[in-house]
Amino acid sequence: MEHLSEFSDSDLVVIADGINSKLRENDKQHFQPSVDLRPNKSPGSARPGRWTPQVLLPRDARGIILAHCYQYEQGRSTWVIETDEATWKNFGFDAKDEPAMLETIERGFAEELDGHRLIANRSLWRNFPTITNKTWVKGNAVLVGDAKATAHFSIARAPSWPWKTQFLF
């Protein structure tokens, strides 16, 4: 679905089509989204196995890489990697394809991955966009979730889960 007119006979339309919302973008004159690209670089991936906490690659001459990790289903957890642009370049990520990038990250997080491999999922480096909208409602439609306003991936966890930051090695 791409246009709100497709739902004209509905009592309520909940627009929850995510960070790249087509419905929001097609009515951007009304919703007036604002996008602020954050300076840090990040790709997303996943790994099989248990949930893992937030961890850091060890600081070395190249910089620090942070992993935001949270379970999204039984036996799977999301790994969102984050670093600043200088570190991104220092590790050569600007010139690596997805398999080479994931291999580098796997080496740095070998202990945390506990023998598991990261799962490639179009794990492309990007600057995370902070999106807000001037208005969230249009007629019978309302924006919710990331279509309405993005939340940084570091808060995508349940409060009861263990959460810590640690240096590896």
N, C-alpha and C. Protein backbone atom coordinates (compact mmCIF):
# COMPACT_ATOMS: atom_id res chain seq x y z
N MET A 1 0.83 -1.17 0.00
CA MET A 1 0.00 0.00 0.00
C MET A 1 0.88 1.24 0.00
N GLU A 2 0.50 2.18 -0.84
CA GLU A 2 1.33 3.38 -0.94
C GLU A 2 0.59 4.69 -0.73
N HIS A 3 -0.76 4.67 -0.80
CA HIS A 3 -1.51 5.92 -0.69
C HIS A 3 -2.66 5.76 0.30
N LEU A 4 -2.86 6.79 1.12
CA LEU A 4 -3.94 6.74 2.10
C LEU A 4 -5.31 6.62 1.45
N SER A 5 -5.45 7.05 0.22
CA SER A 5 -6.74 6.94 -0.47
C SER A 5 -7.20 5.49 -0.59
N GLU A 6 -6.27 4.55 -0.52
CA GLU A 6 -6.62 3.12 -0.58
C GLU A 6 -7.39 2.68 0.66
N PHE A 7 -7.40 3.51 1.71
CA PHE A 7 -8.06 3.17 2.97
C PHE A 7 -9.23 4.10 3.27
N SER A 8 -9.80 4.75 2.27
CA SER A 8 -10.82 5.77 2.51
C SER A 8 -12.07 5.22 3.18
N ASP A 9 -12.36 3.93 3.05
CA ASP A 9 -13.55 3.37 3.68
C ASP A 9 -13.26 2.81 5.08
N SER A 10 -12.05 3.00 5.59
CA SER A 10 -11.67 2.49 6.91
C SER A 10 -11.97 3.53 7.98
N ASP A 11 -12.31 3.03 9.18
CA ASP A 11 -12.55 3.93 10.31
C ASP A 11 -11.25 4.49 10.85
N LEU A 12 -10.22 3.65 10.89
CA LEU A 12 -8.93 4.05 11.42
C LEU A 12 -7.83 3.38 10.62
N VAL A 13 -6.81 4.16 10.26
CA VAL A 13 -5.65 3.63 9.55
C VAL A 13 -4.43 3.90 10.42
N VAL A 14 -3.76 2.83 10.82
CA VAL A 14 -2.54 2.95 11.62
C VAL A 14 -1.37 2.77 10.67
N ILE A 15 -0.59 3.82 10.50
CA ILE A 15 0.56 3.79 9.59
C ILE A 15 1.77 3.39 10.40
N ALA A 16 2.19 2.15 10.22
CA ALA A 16 3.31 1.59 10.98
C ALA A 16 4.27 0.91 10.02
N ASP A 17 4.56 1.59 8.91
CA ASP A 17 5.40 0.97 7.88
C ASP A 17 6.88 1.37 8.00
N GLY A 18 7.29 1.77 9.18
CA GLY A 18 8.70 1.88 9.50
C GLY A 18 9.42 3.15 9.11
N ILE A 19 10.73 3.09 9.29
CA ILE A 19 11.61 4.22 9.09
C ILE A 19 11.55 4.75 7.65
N ASN A 20 11.32 3.87 6.69
CA ASN A 20 11.24 4.26 5.28
C ASN A 20 9.79 4.31 4.81
N SER A 21 8.89 4.82 5.64
CA SER A 21 7.45 4.82 5.39
C SER A 21 7.08 5.43 4.03
N LYS A 22 6.47 4.61 3.18
CA LYS A 22 6.00 5.10 1.89
C LYS A 22 4.76 5.98 2.07
N LEU A 23 3.91 5.58 3.01
CA LEU A 23 2.69 6.37 3.24
C LEU A 23 3.03 7.76 3.77
N ARG A 24 3.98 7.84 4.69
CA ARG A 24 4.41 9.15 5.21
C ARG A 24 5.03 9.98 4.10
N GLU A 25 5.91 9.36 3.31
CA GLU A 25 6.60 10.09 2.25
C GLU A 25 5.63 10.57 1.17
N ASN A 26 4.63 9.77 0.85
CA ASN A 26 3.67 10.18 -0.18
C ASN A 26 2.77 11.32 0.29
N ASP A 27 2.68 11.53 1.60
CA ASP A 27 1.92 12.66 2.14
C ASP A 27 2.82 13.57 2.97
N LYS A 28 4.09 13.70 2.53
CA LYS A 28 5.04 14.48 3.32
C LYS A 28 4.68 15.96 3.41
N GLN A 29 3.93 16.47 2.46
CA GLN A 29 3.47 17.88 2.56
C GLN A 29 2.58 18.04 3.79
N HIS A 30 1.82 17.01 4.12
CA HIS A 30 0.94 17.08 5.29
C HIS A 30 1.70 16.77 6.59
N PHE A 31 2.40 15.62 6.62
CA PHE A 31 3.07 15.20 7.84
C PHE A 31 4.31 16.03 8.16
N GLN A 32 4.93 16.61 7.15
CA GLN A 32 6.11 17.46 7.29
C GLN A 32 7.23 16.79 8.09
N PRO A 33 7.73 15.66 7.58
CA PRO A 33 8.82 14.99 8.29
C PRO A 33 10.11 15.80 8.25
N SER A 34 10.86 15.67 9.32
CA SER A 34 12.17 16.28 9.44
C SER A 34 13.16 15.14 9.65
N VAL A 35 14.24 15.14 8.89
CA VAL A 35 15.23 14.08 8.98
C VAL A 35 16.58 14.69 9.35
N ASP A 36 17.17 14.17 10.42
CA ASP A 36 18.50 14.59 10.86
C ASP A 36 19.40 13.36 10.81
N LEU A 37 20.32 13.33 9.85
CA LEU A 37 21.25 12.19 9.75
C LEU A 37 22.31 12.33 10.82
N ARG A 38 22.38 11.35 11.71
CA ARG A 38 23.36 11.36 12.79
C ARG A 38 24.75 11.08 12.22
N PRO A 39 25.80 11.57 12.86
CA PRO A 39 27.14 11.47 12.28
C PRO A 39 27.74 10.06 12.30
N ASN A 40 27.35 9.20 13.24
CA ASN A 40 27.96 7.87 13.32
C ASN A 40 27.44 6.95 12.23
N LYS A 41 28.27 6.00 11.83
CA LYS A 41 27.94 5.01 10.81
C LYS A 41 27.44 3.74 11.50
N SER A 42 26.48 3.05 10.85
CA SER A 42 26.01 1.79 11.42
C SER A 42 25.36 0.90 10.37
N PRO A 43 25.70 -0.40 10.37
CA PRO A 43 24.94 -1.40 9.63
C PRO A 43 24.25 -2.30 10.64
N GLY A 44 23.23 -3.02 10.22
CA GLY A 44 22.58 -3.98 11.09
C GLY A 44 22.87 -5.39 10.63
N SER A 45 22.85 -6.33 11.53
CA SER A 45 23.02 -7.74 11.21
C SER A 45 22.29 -8.52 12.27
N ALA A 46 22.47 -9.81 12.29
CA ALA A 46 21.85 -10.66 13.30
C ALA A 46 22.78 -11.82 13.57
N ARG A 47 22.52 -12.49 14.65
CA ARG A 47 23.28 -13.70 14.94
C ARG A 47 22.35 -14.72 15.56
N PRO A 48 22.62 -16.00 15.30
CA PRO A 48 21.85 -17.03 15.98
C PRO A 48 22.32 -17.15 17.42
N GLY A 49 21.52 -17.79 18.22
CA GLY A 49 21.95 -18.07 19.59
C GLY A 49 21.36 -17.11 20.60
N ARG A 50 21.97 -17.13 21.76
CA ARG A 50 21.44 -16.38 22.90
C ARG A 50 21.54 -14.87 22.68
N TRP A 51 20.79 -14.15 23.50
CA TRP A 51 20.86 -12.70 23.50
C TRP A 51 22.20 -12.28 24.06
N THR A 52 22.76 -11.23 23.54
CA THR A 52 24.05 -10.74 24.03
C THR A 52 23.93 -9.29 24.45
N PRO A 53 24.74 -8.86 25.41
CA PRO A 53 24.68 -7.47 25.86
C PRO A 53 25.38 -6.52 24.90
N GLN A 54 25.24 -5.25 25.18
CA GLN A 54 25.97 -4.24 24.43
C GLN A 54 27.45 -4.40 24.75
N VAL A 55 28.28 -4.39 23.72
CA VAL A 55 29.71 -4.61 23.93
C VAL A 55 30.51 -3.65 23.07
N LEU A 56 31.76 -3.49 23.40
CA LEU A 56 32.67 -2.62 22.65
C LEU A 56 33.85 -3.41 22.14
N LEU A 57 34.28 -3.10 20.92
CA LEU A 57 35.58 -3.61 20.48
C LEU A 57 36.65 -2.88 21.29
N PRO A 58 37.77 -3.51 21.51
CA PRO A 58 38.80 -2.83 22.29
C PRO A 58 39.30 -1.58 21.58
N ARG A 59 39.63 -0.58 22.37
CA ARG A 59 40.19 0.63 21.79
C ARG A 59 41.59 0.32 21.30
N ASP A 60 41.84 0.66 20.07
CA ASP A 60 43.20 0.55 19.53
C ASP A 60 43.44 1.79 18.69
N ALA A 61 44.49 1.80 17.92
CA ALA A 61 44.83 2.98 17.13
C ALA A 61 43.73 3.34 16.14
N ARG A 62 42.89 2.37 15.78
CA ARG A 62 41.84 2.63 14.80
C ARG A 62 40.58 3.23 15.41
N GLY A 63 40.34 3.02 16.69
CA GLY A 63 39.16 3.58 17.34
C GLY A 63 38.32 2.52 18.03
N ILE A 64 37.09 2.89 18.37
CA ILE A 64 36.16 2.01 19.09
C ILE A 64 34.96 1.70 18.21
N ILE A 65 34.53 0.45 18.25
CA ILE A 65 33.30 0.04 17.57
C ILE A 65 32.34 -0.49 18.63
N LEU A 66 31.14 -0.01 18.63
CA LEU A 66 30.12 -0.37 19.60
C LEU A 66 29.09 -1.27 18.94
N ALA A 67 28.66 -2.31 19.62
CA ALA A 67 27.59 -3.17 19.12
C ALA A 67 26.39 -3.02 20.05
N HIS A 68 25.23 -2.68 19.48
CA HIS A 68 23.97 -2.64 20.22
C HIS A 68 23.28 -3.97 19.91
N CYS A 69 23.07 -4.79 20.91
CA CYS A 69 22.58 -6.15 20.69
C CYS A 69 21.31 -6.38 21.50
N TYR A 70 20.32 -6.97 20.87
CA TYR A 70 19.08 -7.31 21.57
C TYR A 70 18.39 -8.46 20.85
N GLN A 71 17.72 -9.30 21.62
CA GLN A 71 17.02 -10.45 21.07
C GLN A 71 15.72 -9.98 20.42
N TYR A 72 15.44 -10.49 19.22
CA TYR A 72 14.17 -10.15 18.56
C TYR A 72 13.26 -11.36 18.42
N GLU A 73 13.78 -12.56 18.58
CA GLU A 73 12.96 -13.77 18.64
C GLU A 73 13.81 -14.84 19.31
N GLN A 74 13.17 -15.94 19.69
CA GLN A 74 13.90 -17.02 20.34
C GLN A 74 15.07 -17.48 19.46
N GLY A 75 16.26 -17.45 20.00
CA GLY A 75 17.42 -17.94 19.28
C GLY A 75 18.03 -16.98 18.28
N ARG A 76 17.56 -15.74 18.21
CA ARG A 76 18.11 -14.74 17.27
C ARG A 76 18.24 -13.40 17.98
N SER A 77 19.34 -12.72 17.68
CA SER A 77 19.50 -11.37 18.22
C SER A 77 20.01 -10.44 17.13
N THR A 78 19.57 -9.20 17.21
CA THR A 78 20.02 -8.17 16.29
C THR A 78 21.33 -7.60 16.80
N TRP A 79 22.22 -7.33 15.87
CA TRP A 79 23.48 -6.66 16.16
C TRP A 79 23.55 -5.42 15.29
N VAL A 80 23.46 -4.27 15.90
CA VAL A 80 23.64 -3.01 15.17
C VAL A 80 25.00 -2.47 15.59
N ILE A 81 25.88 -2.34 14.64
CA ILE A 81 27.24 -1.87 14.90
C ILE A 81 27.26 -0.35 14.72
N GLU A 82 28.01 0.34 15.58
CA GLU A 82 28.07 1.80 15.48
C GLU A 82 29.50 2.28 15.70
N THR A 83 29.90 3.24 14.91
CA THR A 83 31.21 3.87 15.09
C THR A 83 31.20 5.25 14.44
N ASP A 84 32.19 6.04 14.78
CA ASP A 84 32.29 7.34 14.13
C ASP A 84 32.96 7.18 12.76
N GLU A 85 32.88 8.22 11.94
CA GLU A 85 33.38 8.12 10.57
C GLU A 85 34.89 7.88 10.51
N ALA A 86 35.64 8.49 11.41
CA ALA A 86 37.09 8.29 11.40
C ALA A 86 37.44 6.83 11.66
N THR A 87 36.81 6.23 12.65
CA THR A 87 37.05 4.82 12.95
C THR A 87 36.59 3.94 11.80
N TRP A 88 35.46 4.26 11.22
CA TRP A 88 34.91 3.53 10.06
C TRP A 88 35.96 3.48 8.95
N LYS A 89 36.57 4.61 8.67
CA LYS A 89 37.62 4.67 7.64
C LYS A 89 38.89 3.95 8.10
N ASN A 90 39.27 4.12 9.37
CA ASN A 90 40.47 3.48 9.89
C ASN A 90 40.41 1.96 9.79
N PHE A 91 39.23 1.38 9.96
CA PHE A 91 39.06 -0.07 9.84
C PHE A 91 38.91 -0.49 8.37
N GLY A 92 38.84 0.48 7.46
CA GLY A 92 38.72 0.17 6.03
C GLY A 92 37.31 -0.21 5.60
N PHE A 93 36.32 0.08 6.44
CA PHE A 93 34.95 -0.29 6.10
C PHE A 93 34.43 0.45 4.88
N ASP A 94 34.99 1.61 4.59
CA ASP A 94 34.56 2.37 3.42
C ASP A 94 34.91 1.65 2.12
N ALA A 95 35.85 0.70 2.18
CA ALA A 95 36.29 -0.01 0.98
C ALA A 95 35.96 -1.51 1.01
N LYS A 96 35.32 -1.99 2.10
CA LYS A 96 35.03 -3.41 2.23
C LYS A 96 33.60 -3.73 1.79
N ASP A 97 33.44 -4.89 1.16
CA ASP A 97 32.10 -5.35 0.84
C ASP A 97 31.49 -5.97 2.12
N GLU A 98 30.23 -6.36 2.04
CA GLU A 98 29.52 -6.87 3.21
C GLU A 98 30.22 -8.08 3.85
N PRO A 99 30.61 -9.11 3.09
CA PRO A 99 31.28 -10.26 3.73
C PRO A 99 32.58 -9.87 4.45
N ALA A 100 33.39 -9.02 3.84
CA ALA A 100 34.65 -8.61 4.47
C ALA A 100 34.38 -7.77 5.72
N MET A 101 33.38 -6.91 5.68
CA MET A 101 33.03 -6.09 6.83
C MET A 101 32.56 -6.97 7.98
N LEU A 102 31.68 -7.93 7.69
CA LEU A 102 31.17 -8.81 8.74
C LEU A 102 32.29 -9.67 9.33
N GLU A 103 33.22 -10.11 8.49
CA GLU A 103 34.36 -10.90 8.97
C GLU A 103 35.21 -10.09 9.94
N THR A 104 35.45 -8.82 9.64
CA THR A 104 36.22 -7.95 10.53
C THR A 104 35.51 -7.80 11.87
N ILE A 105 34.21 -7.58 11.83
CA ILE A 105 33.44 -7.41 13.07
C ILE A 105 33.41 -8.72 13.85
N GLU A 106 33.27 -9.84 13.15
CA GLU A 106 33.27 -11.15 13.82
C GLU A 106 34.58 -11.40 14.56
N ARG A 107 35.69 -11.01 13.96
CA ARG A 107 37.00 -11.19 14.62
C ARG A 107 37.06 -10.36 15.91
N GLY A 108 36.59 -9.14 15.84
CA GLY A 108 36.63 -8.27 17.01
C GLY A 108 35.69 -8.72 18.12
N PHE A 109 34.58 -9.34 17.76
CA PHE A 109 33.59 -9.79 18.73
C PHE A 109 33.56 -11.31 18.86
N ALA A 110 34.68 -11.96 18.58
CA ALA A 110 34.73 -13.44 18.57
C ALA A 110 34.25 -14.04 19.90
N GLU A 111 34.69 -13.47 21.00
CA GLU A 111 34.29 -14.01 22.31
C GLU A 111 32.78 -13.87 22.51
N GLU A 112 32.25 -12.72 22.18
CA GLU A 112 30.81 -12.48 22.36
C GLU A 112 29.96 -13.33 21.41
N LEU A 113 30.47 -13.56 20.21
CA LEU A 113 29.73 -14.36 19.23
C LEU A 113 29.77 -15.85 19.57
N ASP A 114 30.71 -16.25 20.41
CA ASP A 114 30.75 -17.61 20.92
C ASP A 114 30.66 -18.66 19.81
N GLY A 115 31.43 -18.46 18.75
CA GLY A 115 31.46 -19.42 17.65
C GLY A 115 30.41 -19.20 16.57
N HIS A 116 29.48 -18.28 16.80
CA HIS A 116 28.44 -17.98 15.80
C HIS A 116 28.97 -16.99 14.78
N ARG A 117 28.37 -16.99 13.62
CA ARG A 117 28.68 -16.01 12.57
C ARG A 117 27.55 -14.98 12.54
N LEU A 118 27.87 -13.77 12.15
CA LEU A 118 26.82 -12.78 11.91
C LEU A 118 26.09 -13.16 10.64
N ILE A 119 24.82 -12.84 10.59
CA ILE A 119 23.98 -13.17 9.44
C ILE A 119 23.89 -11.95 8.55
N ALA A 120 24.34 -12.07 7.32
CA ALA A 120 24.27 -10.95 6.37
C ALA A 120 22.79 -10.66 6.08
N ASN A 121 22.46 -9.39 6.12
CA ASN A 121 21.09 -8.97 5.86
C ASN A 121 21.12 -7.57 5.25
N ARG A 122 21.77 -7.47 4.07
CA ARG A 122 22.00 -6.14 3.50
C ARG A 122 22.58 -5.23 4.57
N SER A 123 23.60 -5.70 5.23
CA SER A 123 24.23 -4.99 6.34
C SER A 123 25.08 -3.85 5.79
N LEU A 124 24.41 -2.84 5.31
CA LEU A 124 25.08 -1.72 4.66
C LEU A 124 25.30 -0.59 5.66
N TRP A 125 26.46 0.04 5.58
CA TRP A 125 26.76 1.17 6.46
C TRP A 125 25.89 2.35 6.06
N ARG A 126 25.34 3.02 7.04
CA ARG A 126 24.55 4.22 6.80
C ARG A 126 24.61 5.11 8.02
N ASN A 127 24.20 6.34 7.84
CA ASN A 127 24.07 7.25 8.97
C ASN A 127 22.63 7.14 9.43
N PHE A 128 22.43 6.84 10.71
CA PHE A 128 21.09 6.65 11.26
C PHE A 128 20.30 7.96 11.17
N PRO A 129 19.10 7.91 10.58
CA PRO A 129 18.29 9.13 10.51
C PRO A 129 17.37 9.27 11.73
N THR A 130 17.42 10.41 12.35
CA THR A 130 16.43 10.74 13.37
C THR A 130 15.29 11.44 12.64
N ILE A 131 14.11 10.82 12.67
CA ILE A 131 12.94 11.34 11.94
C ILE A 131 11.88 11.77 12.94
N THR A 132 11.38 12.97 12.76
CA THR A 132 10.22 13.46 13.50
C THR A 132 9.26 14.06 12.48
N ASN A 133 8.01 14.22 12.87
CA ASN A 133 6.98 14.78 11.99
C ASN A 133 6.27 15.91 12.69
N LYS A 134 5.93 16.95 11.95
CA LYS A 134 5.23 18.09 12.54
C LYS A 134 3.83 17.67 13.00
N THR A 135 3.19 16.80 12.22
CA THR A 135 1.89 16.27 12.61
C THR A 135 1.89 14.76 12.41
N TRP A 136 1.10 14.05 13.21
CA TRP A 136 1.06 12.58 13.14
C TRP A 136 -0.27 12.07 12.62
N VAL A 137 -1.26 12.95 12.43
CA VAL A 137 -2.61 12.53 12.07
C VAL A 137 -3.04 13.21 10.77
N LYS A 138 -3.69 12.43 9.93
CA LYS A 138 -4.30 12.97 8.72
C LYS A 138 -5.63 12.25 8.52
N GLY A 139 -6.73 12.97 8.75
CA GLY A 139 -8.05 12.36 8.62
C GLY A 139 -8.17 11.16 9.54
N ASN A 140 -8.41 9.98 8.94
CA ASN A 140 -8.59 8.76 9.72
C ASN A 140 -7.28 7.99 9.91
N ALA A 141 -6.14 8.62 9.60
CA ALA A 141 -4.85 7.93 9.65
C ALA A 141 -3.95 8.55 10.72
N VAL A 142 -3.15 7.68 11.35
CA VAL A 142 -2.20 8.13 12.36
C VAL A 142 -0.87 7.41 12.16
N LEU A 143 0.22 8.17 12.24
CA LEU A 143 1.56 7.60 12.19
C LEU A 143 1.92 7.05 13.56
N VAL A 144 2.55 5.86 13.59
CA VAL A 144 3.05 5.29 14.84
C VAL A 144 4.43 4.67 14.59
N GLY A 145 5.13 4.36 15.66
CA GLY A 145 6.42 3.69 15.55
C GLY A 145 7.44 4.52 14.80
N ASP A 146 8.33 3.84 14.06
CA ASP A 146 9.38 4.53 13.33
C ASP A 146 8.84 5.39 12.18
N ALA A 147 7.63 5.14 11.72
CA ALA A 147 7.04 6.02 10.71
C ALA A 147 6.77 7.40 11.31
N LYS A 148 6.45 7.43 12.62
CA LYS A 148 6.18 8.68 13.32
C LYS A 148 7.46 9.35 13.79
N ALA A 149 8.29 8.60 14.48
CA ALA A 149 9.53 9.16 15.03
C ALA A 149 10.49 8.01 15.34
N THR A 150 11.69 8.12 14.85
CA THR A 150 12.66 7.05 15.10
C THR A 150 13.22 7.16 16.51
N ALA A 151 13.56 6.01 17.04
CA ALA A 151 14.25 5.94 18.32
C ALA A 151 15.60 5.29 18.05
N HIS A 152 16.62 5.78 18.67
CA HIS A 152 17.95 5.22 18.45
C HIS A 152 17.93 3.74 18.81
N PHE A 153 18.62 2.92 18.03
CA PHE A 153 18.61 1.48 18.22
C PHE A 153 19.16 1.04 19.56
N SER A 154 19.86 1.90 20.25
CA SER A 154 20.42 1.53 21.55
C SER A 154 19.34 1.37 22.61
N ILE A 155 18.13 1.84 22.37
CA ILE A 155 17.06 1.68 23.36
C ILE A 155 16.09 0.58 22.97
N ALA A 156 16.39 -0.19 21.93
CA ALA A 156 15.49 -1.24 21.47
C ALA A 156 15.68 -2.51 22.28
N ARG A 157 15.31 -2.44 23.53
CA ARG A 157 15.44 -3.58 24.42
C ARG A 157 14.38 -3.48 25.51
N ALA A 158 14.05 -4.59 26.07
CA ALA A 158 13.11 -4.60 27.20
C ALA A 158 13.86 -4.25 28.47
N PRO A 159 13.26 -3.46 29.37
CA PRO A 159 13.97 -3.03 30.57
C PRO A 159 14.42 -4.19 31.46
N SER A 160 13.80 -5.35 31.37
CA SER A 160 14.17 -6.46 32.25
C SER A 160 15.38 -7.23 31.73
N TRP A 161 15.81 -6.97 30.50
CA TRP A 161 16.95 -7.71 29.96
C TRP A 161 18.24 -7.22 30.59
N PRO A 162 19.22 -8.11 30.74
CA PRO A 162 20.52 -7.64 31.23
C PRO A 162 21.14 -6.72 30.19
N TRP A 163 21.82 -5.73 30.63
CA TRP A 163 22.40 -4.75 29.71
C TRP A 163 23.65 -4.19 30.34
N LYS A 164 24.72 -4.26 29.65
CA LYS A 164 25.95 -3.70 30.20
C LYS A 164 26.85 -3.30 29.05
N THR A 165 27.82 -2.51 29.35
CA THR A 165 28.85 -2.13 28.38
C THR A 165 30.16 -2.68 28.89
N GLN A 166 30.93 -3.29 28.04
CA GLN A 166 32.22 -3.81 28.47
C GLN A 166 33.22 -3.73 27.34
N PHE A 167 34.49 -3.67 27.69
CA PHE A 167 35.55 -3.76 26.71
C PHE A 167 35.90 -5.23 26.53
N LEU A 168 36.14 -5.62 25.30
CA LEU A 168 36.57 -6.99 25.05
C LEU A 168 38.08 -7.07 25.19
N PHE A 169 38.56 -8.26 25.51
CA PHE A 169 39.98 -8.60 25.68
C PHE A 169 40.51 -7.86 26.87
